[in-house]
């Protein structure tokens, strides 16, 4: 019985750490308003030059 409790406690401790280490959660998409585009240099939305 003690062995099951140790495994359960270990799983509960390790699972959140593994989910935070997942690289898929680190990327976010930038969206700009209509008529604007994302500028890589300034890292912000700028008006589209016409």
C-alpha atoms as a PDB file:
ATOM      1  CA  UNK A   1       0.000   0.000   0.000  1.00  0.00           C
ATOM      2  CA  UNK A   2       2.838   2.411   0.795  1.00  0.00           C
ATOM      3  CA  UNK A   3       4.388   1.748  -2.606  1.00  0.00           C
ATOM      4  CA  UNK A   4       1.147   2.770  -4.374  1.00  0.00           C
ATOM      5  CA  UNK A   5       1.017   5.994  -2.352  1.00  0.00           C
ATOM      6  CA  UNK A   6       4.620   6.805  -3.255  1.00  0.00           C
ATOM      7  CA  UNK A   7       3.938   6.266  -6.960  1.00  0.00           C
ATOM      8  CA  UNK A   8       0.752   8.357  -6.806  1.00  0.00           C
ATOM      9  CA  UNK A   9       2.498  11.211  -5.004  1.00  0.00           C
ATOM     10  CA  UNK A  10       5.396  11.109  -7.460  1.00  0.00           C
ATOM     11  CA  UNK A  11       3.006  11.236 -10.412  1.00  0.00           C
ATOM     12  CA  UNK A  12       1.184  14.228  -8.935  1.00  0.00           C
ATOM     13  CA  UNK A  13       4.460  16.071  -8.400  1.00  0.00           C
ATOM     14  CA  UNK A  14       6.064  15.258 -11.773  1.00  0.00           C
ATOM     15  CA  UNK A  15       3.036  15.739 -14.073  1.00  0.00           C
ATOM     16  CA  UNK A  16       2.739  19.558 -13.727  1.00  0.00           C
ATOM     17  CA  UNK A  17       6.486  19.983 -14.187  1.00  0.00           C
ATOM     18  CA  UNK A  18       6.413  17.962 -17.397  1.00  0.00           C
ATOM     19  CA  UNK A  19       3.424  19.868 -18.775  1.00  0.00           C
ATOM     20  CA  UNK A  20       5.156  23.214 -18.154  1.00  0.00           C
ATOM     21  CA  UNK A  21       8.296  21.998 -19.928  1.00  0.00           C
ATOM     22  CA  UNK A  22       6.379  21.228 -23.124  1.00  0.00           C
ATOM     23  CA  UNK A  23       7.686  23.496 -25.938  1.00  0.00           C
ATOM     24  CA  UNK A  24       4.319  23.585 -27.718  1.00  0.00           C
ATOM     25  CA  UNK A  25       2.953  25.963 -25.075  1.00  0.00           C
ATOM     26  CA  UNK A  26       5.618  28.600 -25.511  1.00  0.00           C
ATOM     27  CA  UNK A  27       4.578  29.987 -28.887  1.00  0.00           C
ATOM     28  CA  UNK A  28       1.796  32.511 -29.314  1.00  0.00           C
ATOM     29  CA  UNK A  29       0.425  34.024 -32.490  1.00  0.00           C
ATOM     30  CA  UNK A  30       0.381  37.812 -32.830  1.00  0.00           C
ATOM     31  CA  UNK A  31      -2.732  39.292 -34.415  1.00  0.00           C
ATOM     32  CA  UNK A  32      -3.157  42.891 -35.526  1.00  0.00           C
ATOM     33  CA  UNK A  33      -6.232  44.965 -36.285  1.00  0.00           C
ATOM     34  CA  UNK A  34      -7.532  45.400 -39.825  1.00  0.00           C
ATOM     35  CA  UNK A  35      -5.226  47.545 -41.937  1.00  0.00           C
ATOM     36  CA  UNK A  36      -2.201  46.749 -39.787  1.00  0.00           C
ATOM     37  CA  UNK A  37       0.601  44.200 -39.982  1.00  0.00           C
ATOM     38  CA  UNK A  38       3.165  42.888 -37.500  1.00  0.00           C
ATOM     39  CA  UNK A  39       6.638  44.446 -37.756  1.00  0.00           C
ATOM     40  CA  UNK A  40       9.439  42.078 -36.680  1.00  0.00           C
ATOM     41  CA  UNK A  41      11.905  44.897 -36.010  1.00  0.00           C
ATOM     42  CA  UNK A  42       9.734  46.944 -33.660  1.00  0.00           C
ATOM     43  CA  UNK A  43       7.775  43.924 -32.370  1.00  0.00           C
ATOM     44  CA  UNK A  44       4.495  45.770 -32.747  1.00  0.00           C
ATOM     45  CA  UNK A  45       1.628  46.327 -35.177  1.00  0.00           C
ATOM     46  CA  UNK A  46       2.136  49.055 -37.804  1.00  0.00           C
ATOM     47  CA  UNK A  47      -0.089  50.550 -40.476  1.00  0.00           C
ATOM     48  CA  UNK A  48       0.171  48.963 -43.910  1.00  0.00           C
ATOM     49  CA  UNK A  49       1.841  51.411 -46.296  1.00  0.00           C
ATOM     50  CA  UNK A  50      -0.125  51.808 -49.528  1.00  0.00           C
END
